[in-house]
């Protein structure tokens, strides 16, 4: 298993060995590719990188470390997800989700959504894509390619994460909140107002904890899974942005964009295990 990290300012993808926590290599991208969000097709060893600068979707062959294709979509592309051999790409300029067939690289369709679709998460079992827009949460049926549910919000949704055990949606907001929403009804369950600038969220189902990277407080806040109350925090001494938990829930990977590090913590006692140097401004972390 590998850990993949997008480095925005150094225009690269870093690859780490999951078992040894050692840096393996850095894949340098073209000068105009600033990677932020990306996804990986592990079967084909391909990474798909949307560009917010030139409206291009770049296809990176991880085995040879080269860009092998680019697809012109246009606009400010911000996020991407892979489901059933289809790519879903958010475009903040056109307020839409662009859909692409990965086998043929042909466009399938475009779904209009609300203002500034940024973060999203996919429920691949039920074929649902949940999109965080600045003024709404939208559920898209990935089979029919249509909006099936929607809730208008008075908070500024940013990133989104599905709790697959409770069938709940967690969304971080630009006004310092984490809002919990029922996945079926899209009704608000609770609002946790303990943050300054929360970004990404992940769940430790074994220890019943929730981790929230807060760039404002420069901490990772640790919440009780059942109540949402703050139990503890990890002081990052940098700018935490990306966050990912290991499959066995023992390790927490955090990208520190200030110090250009991936910080690895032990989830049992929140101690720092290792700092791994990567490229400039690491953002998204994927374990594949």
Protein backbone atom coordinates (compact mmCIF):
# COMPACT_ATOMS: atom_id res chain seq x y z
CA UNK A 1 0.00 0.00 0.00
CA UNK A 2 1.14 3.54 -0.79
CA UNK A 3 0.37 7.02 0.53
CA UNK A 4 -0.05 9.69 -2.15
CA UNK A 5 0.24 13.41 -1.44
CA UNK A 6 -0.50 16.35 -3.74
CA UNK A 7 2.00 19.23 -3.36
CA UNK A 8 0.37 22.38 -4.70
CA UNK A 9 3.25 24.86 -4.90
CA UNK A 10 5.95 22.42 -5.96
CA UNK A 11 3.62 20.96 -8.62
CA UNK A 12 4.25 17.35 -7.68
CA UNK A 13 2.81 14.13 -6.28
CA UNK A 14 4.78 12.52 -3.44
CA UNK A 15 4.61 8.78 -2.87
CA UNK A 16 5.28 7.28 0.58
CA UNK A 17 5.57 3.65 1.62
CA UNK A 18 2.61 2.87 3.87
CA UNK A 19 4.28 0.13 5.93
CA UNK A 20 7.66 1.78 6.55
CA UNK A 21 6.53 5.45 6.46
CA UNK A 22 9.49 6.20 4.22
CA UNK A 23 9.52 8.71 1.38
CA UNK A 24 9.78 6.84 -1.93
CA UNK A 25 9.73 9.37 -4.73
CA UNK A 26 8.35 12.63 -6.05
CA UNK A 27 6.62 12.86 -9.43
CA UNK A 28 7.23 16.29 -10.95
CA UNK A 29 4.33 17.62 -12.98
CA UNK A 30 4.24 20.18 -15.77
CA UNK A 31 4.73 23.84 -14.93
CA UNK A 32 1.05 24.71 -15.28
CA UNK A 33 -0.27 21.82 -13.12
CA UNK A 34 -0.88 22.80 -9.50
CA UNK A 35 -2.38 19.68 -7.88
CA UNK A 36 -4.81 20.04 -5.02
CA UNK A 37 -7.57 17.44 -5.06
CA UNK A 38 -7.01 14.27 -7.08
CA UNK A 39 -8.19 10.67 -7.28
CA UNK A 40 -6.54 7.38 -8.17
CA UNK A 41 -7.66 4.38 -10.19
CA UNK A 42 -5.54 1.78 -8.41
CA UNK A 43 -6.32 -0.95 -10.94
CA UNK A 44 -4.80 1.05 -13.79
CA UNK A 45 -2.25 2.94 -11.66
CA UNK A 46 -3.60 6.23 -12.95
CA UNK A 47 -4.10 9.50 -11.08
CA UNK A 48 -6.63 12.07 -12.29
CA UNK A 49 -5.73 15.67 -11.46
CA UNK A 50 -8.12 18.56 -12.15
CA UNK A 51 -6.55 21.98 -12.68
CA UNK A 52 -8.15 25.12 -11.28
CA UNK A 53 -5.94 27.33 -13.47
CA UNK A 54 -6.47 26.15 -17.05
CA UNK A 55 -9.61 23.99 -16.89
CA UNK A 56 -7.73 20.84 -17.89
CA UNK A 57 -8.02 17.34 -16.43
CA UNK A 58 -4.62 15.65 -16.42
CA UNK A 59 -4.07 11.88 -16.43
CA UNK A 60 -0.91 10.77 -14.65
CA UNK A 61 0.53 7.28 -15.13
CA UNK A 62 1.92 6.50 -11.68
CA UNK A 63 4.01 3.55 -12.91
CA UNK A 64 6.14 5.73 -15.20
CA UNK A 65 5.61 9.09 -13.51
CA UNK A 66 4.39 10.84 -16.67
CA UNK A 67 1.32 12.76 -17.80
CA UNK A 68 -0.18 10.62 -20.58
CA UNK A 69 -3.31 12.60 -21.42
CA UNK A 70 -5.09 15.87 -20.78
CA UNK A 71 -8.75 16.63 -21.34
CA UNK A 72 -10.04 20.17 -21.79
CA UNK A 73 -13.08 20.88 -19.63
CA UNK A 74 -12.77 24.60 -18.91
CA UNK A 75 -13.40 26.68 -15.81
CA UNK A 76 -12.12 26.37 -12.25
CA UNK A 77 -11.99 22.64 -11.54
CA UNK A 78 -11.83 21.97 -7.80
CA UNK A 79 -12.66 18.38 -6.85
CA UNK A 80 -12.87 14.93 -8.39
CA UNK A 81 -14.19 11.47 -7.56
CA UNK A 82 -14.23 8.11 -9.35
CA UNK A 83 -17.35 5.91 -9.33
CA UNK A 84 -18.25 3.00 -11.65
CA UNK A 85 -15.60 3.96 -14.22
CA UNK A 86 -16.89 7.51 -14.34
CA UNK A 87 -15.22 10.68 -13.15
CA UNK A 88 -17.23 13.41 -11.44
CA UNK A 89 -15.49 16.81 -11.47
CA UNK A 90 -16.73 19.99 -9.78
CA UNK A 91 -16.44 23.29 -11.64
CA UNK A 92 -16.78 26.43 -9.51
CA UNK A 93 -16.89 28.76 -12.51
CA UNK A 94 -19.88 27.14 -14.20
CA UNK A 95 -21.47 25.83 -10.95
CA UNK A 96 -21.66 22.34 -12.35
CA UNK A 97 -20.50 18.73 -12.08
CA UNK A 98 -18.83 17.43 -15.25
CA UNK A 99 -19.01 13.66 -15.88
CA UNK A 100 -16.42 11.76 -17.92
CA UNK A 101 -16.10 8.14 -19.05
CA UNK A 102 -12.62 7.01 -17.94
CA UNK A 103 -12.42 4.19 -20.50
CA UNK A 104 -13.03 6.40 -23.53
CA UNK A 105 -12.25 9.89 -22.11
CA UNK A 106 -15.56 10.97 -23.62
CA UNK A 107 -17.90 13.39 -21.81
CA UNK A 108 -21.09 11.85 -20.44
CA UNK A 109 -22.90 14.96 -19.25
CA UNK A 110 -22.98 18.07 -17.10
CA UNK A 111 -25.18 18.57 -14.03
CA UNK A 112 -25.94 22.14 -12.99
CA UNK A 113 -25.73 22.73 -9.23
CA UNK A 114 -25.64 25.74 -6.91
CA UNK A 115 -22.96 28.34 -6.22
CA UNK A 116 -19.34 27.23 -5.82
CA UNK A 117 -19.47 23.43 -5.63
CA UNK A 118 -16.27 22.59 -3.78
CA UNK A 119 -16.03 19.46 -1.65
CA UNK A 120 -17.85 16.21 -2.26
CA UNK A 121 -17.96 12.59 -1.23
CA UNK A 122 -19.37 9.49 -2.93
CA UNK A 123 -21.54 6.72 -1.51
CA UNK A 124 -20.56 4.13 -4.13
CA UNK A 125 -22.82 1.43 -2.64
CA UNK A 126 -25.98 3.49 -3.08
CA UNK A 127 -24.70 5.42 -6.12
CA UNK A 128 -24.99 8.82 -4.54
CA UNK A 129 -22.70 11.86 -4.85
CA UNK A 130 -23.04 14.51 -2.13
CA UNK A 131 -21.87 17.98 -3.13
CA UNK A 132 -21.10 20.87 -0.77
CA UNK A 133 -22.04 24.17 -2.41
CA UNK A 134 -21.65 27.53 -0.71
CA UNK A 135 -25.41 27.74 -0.04
CA UNK A 136 -26.64 24.14 -0.22
CA UNK A 137 -25.96 20.41 0.05
CA UNK A 138 -26.94 18.49 -3.08
CA UNK A 139 -27.37 14.74 -3.59
CA UNK A 140 -26.83 13.45 -7.14
CA UNK A 141 -27.87 9.99 -8.37
CA UNK A 142 -24.76 8.76 -10.19
CA UNK A 143 -26.80 6.32 -12.31
CA UNK A 144 -29.49 8.69 -13.62
CA UNK A 145 -27.11 11.69 -13.49
CA UNK A 146 -29.75 13.84 -11.84
CA UNK A 147 -30.27 15.72 -8.58
CA UNK A 148 -32.42 13.58 -6.30
CA UNK A 149 -32.25 15.59 -3.06
CA UNK A 150 -31.18 19.03 -1.92
CA UNK A 151 -31.12 21.19 1.21
CA UNK A 152 -30.65 24.97 1.15
CA UNK A 153 -28.33 26.20 3.89
CA UNK A 154 -27.49 29.46 5.62
CA UNK A 155 -23.94 28.34 6.36
CA UNK A 156 -21.07 28.29 3.88
CA UNK A 157 -20.37 24.63 3.14
CA UNK A 158 -16.82 23.80 2.15
CA UNK A 159 -15.63 20.21 2.60
CA UNK A 160 -17.86 17.18 3.10
CA UNK A 161 -17.41 13.67 4.52
CA UNK A 162 -19.85 10.77 4.75
CA UNK A 163 -20.17 8.80 7.99
CA UNK A 164 -20.86 5.41 6.45
CA UNK A 165 -21.86 3.78 9.75
CA UNK A 166 -24.54 6.24 10.83
CA UNK A 167 -25.54 7.37 7.33
CA UNK A 168 -24.77 10.97 8.22
CA UNK A 169 -23.02 13.79 6.38
CA UNK A 170 -20.41 16.00 8.02
CA UNK A 171 -19.66 19.30 6.32
CA UNK A 172 -17.09 21.88 7.40
CA UNK A 173 -18.06 25.49 6.82
CA UNK A 174 -16.19 28.70 6.09
CA UNK A 175 -17.78 30.33 9.15
CA UNK A 176 -16.17 27.95 11.66
CA UNK A 177 -18.69 25.14 12.08
CA UNK A 178 -19.08 21.44 11.42
CA UNK A 179 -22.68 20.62 10.50
CA UNK A 180 -24.06 17.08 10.78
CA UNK A 181 -26.86 16.16 8.36
CA UNK A 182 -28.98 13.03 7.98
CA UNK A 183 -28.04 11.36 4.69
CA UNK A 184 -31.59 10.30 3.76
CA UNK A 185 -33.69 13.30 4.76
CA UNK A 186 -30.93 15.93 4.48
CA UNK A 187 -32.19 17.41 7.75
CA UNK A 188 -29.68 19.04 10.09
CA UNK A 189 -28.98 16.87 13.15
CA UNK A 190 -26.50 19.07 14.99
CA UNK A 191 -24.17 22.02 14.56
CA UNK A 192 -20.77 21.86 16.27
CA UNK A 193 -19.45 25.38 16.78
CA UNK A 194 -15.95 24.78 18.17
CA UNK A 195 -13.73 25.74 15.25
CA UNK A 196 -12.14 28.67 13.47
CA UNK A 197 -11.45 27.32 9.96
CA UNK A 198 -12.27 23.59 9.79
CA UNK A 199 -11.15 21.82 6.64
CA UNK A 200 -11.10 18.04 6.22
CA UNK A 201 -12.72 15.42 8.44
CA UNK A 202 -12.12 11.71 9.06
CA UNK A 203 -13.56 9.02 11.36
CA UNK A 204 -11.97 6.55 13.74
CA UNK A 205 -14.76 3.99 14.02
CA UNK A 206 -12.74 1.72 16.29
CA UNK A 207 -12.03 4.36 18.97
CA UNK A 208 -15.30 6.25 18.27
CA UNK A 209 -13.57 9.53 17.52
CA UNK A 210 -13.79 12.17 14.80
CA UNK A 211 -10.78 14.18 13.63
CA UNK A 212 -11.19 17.68 12.17
CA UNK A 213 -8.25 19.60 10.70
CA UNK A 214 -8.64 23.25 11.75
CA UNK A 215 -6.34 25.60 9.84
CA UNK A 216 -7.51 28.56 11.92
CA UNK A 217 -6.51 27.17 15.31
CA UNK A 218 -3.62 25.18 13.74
CA UNK A 219 -4.85 22.05 15.47
CA UNK A 220 -6.59 18.78 14.74
CA UNK A 221 -9.66 18.73 16.95
CA UNK A 222 -10.72 15.32 18.32
CA UNK A 223 -14.46 14.87 18.85
CA UNK A 224 -16.51 12.18 20.55
CA UNK A 225 -18.16 10.14 17.80
CA UNK A 226 -21.52 9.87 19.59
CA UNK A 227 -21.90 13.34 21.12
CA UNK A 228 -19.74 15.62 18.96
CA UNK A 229 -18.10 17.07 22.06
CA UNK A 230 -14.42 18.07 21.90
CA UNK A 231 -12.35 15.45 23.72
CA UNK A 232 -8.83 16.63 22.92
CA UNK A 233 -6.72 18.22 20.23
CA UNK A 234 -3.38 17.76 18.47
CA UNK A 235 -1.29 20.92 18.24
CA UNK A 236 0.18 20.83 14.74
CA UNK A 237 2.54 23.85 14.99
CA UNK A 238 1.83 24.46 11.33
CA UNK A 239 -1.15 24.60 8.99
CA UNK A 240 -3.12 21.32 9.00
CA UNK A 241 -5.18 20.77 5.88
CA UNK A 242 -5.36 17.22 4.50
CA UNK A 243 -6.14 14.38 6.88
CA UNK A 244 -6.34 10.61 6.42
CA UNK A 245 -6.60 7.70 8.84
CA UNK A 246 -5.02 4.29 8.25
CA UNK A 247 -7.18 1.26 7.48
CA UNK A 248 -6.50 -0.22 10.92
CA UNK A 249 -7.23 3.17 12.60
CA UNK A 250 -3.82 3.20 14.31
CA UNK A 251 -2.19 6.02 12.31
CA UNK A 252 -3.34 9.53 11.46
CA UNK A 253 -1.73 11.28 8.48
CA UNK A 254 -1.89 15.09 8.44
CA UNK A 255 -0.56 17.45 5.77
CA UNK A 256 1.16 20.54 7.19
CA UNK A 257 1.14 23.12 4.39
CA UNK A 258 3.31 25.57 6.32
CA UNK A 259 6.25 23.25 6.98
CA UNK A 260 5.86 21.02 3.89
CA UNK A 261 5.46 17.88 5.98
CA UNK A 262 3.24 14.86 6.35
CA UNK A 263 2.92 14.35 10.09
CA UNK A 264 2.08 10.85 11.29
CA UNK A 265 0.44 10.41 14.70
CA UNK A 266 -0.40 7.41 16.86
CA UNK A 267 -4.18 7.48 17.39
CA UNK A 268 -3.98 5.65 20.73
CA UNK A 269 -2.24 8.54 22.52
CA UNK A 270 -2.01 11.29 19.85
CA UNK A 271 1.81 11.24 19.89
CA UNK A 272 3.85 12.23 16.86
CA UNK A 273 5.52 9.20 15.27
CA UNK A 274 7.25 10.83 12.32
CA UNK A 275 7.62 13.94 10.17
CA UNK A 276 7.98 13.10 6.47
CA UNK A 277 9.31 15.82 4.18
CA UNK A 278 7.39 16.17 0.94
CA UNK A 279 6.90 18.96 -1.61
CA UNK A 280 5.77 22.54 -1.06
CA UNK A 281 2.26 23.02 0.34
CA UNK A 282 1.03 19.42 0.65
CA UNK A 283 -2.75 19.24 0.63
CA UNK A 284 -4.70 16.06 -0.15
CA UNK A 285 -3.61 12.66 1.20
CA UNK A 286 -4.76 9.33 -0.25
CA UNK A 287 -3.97 5.82 1.04
CA UNK A 288 -4.28 3.22 -1.71
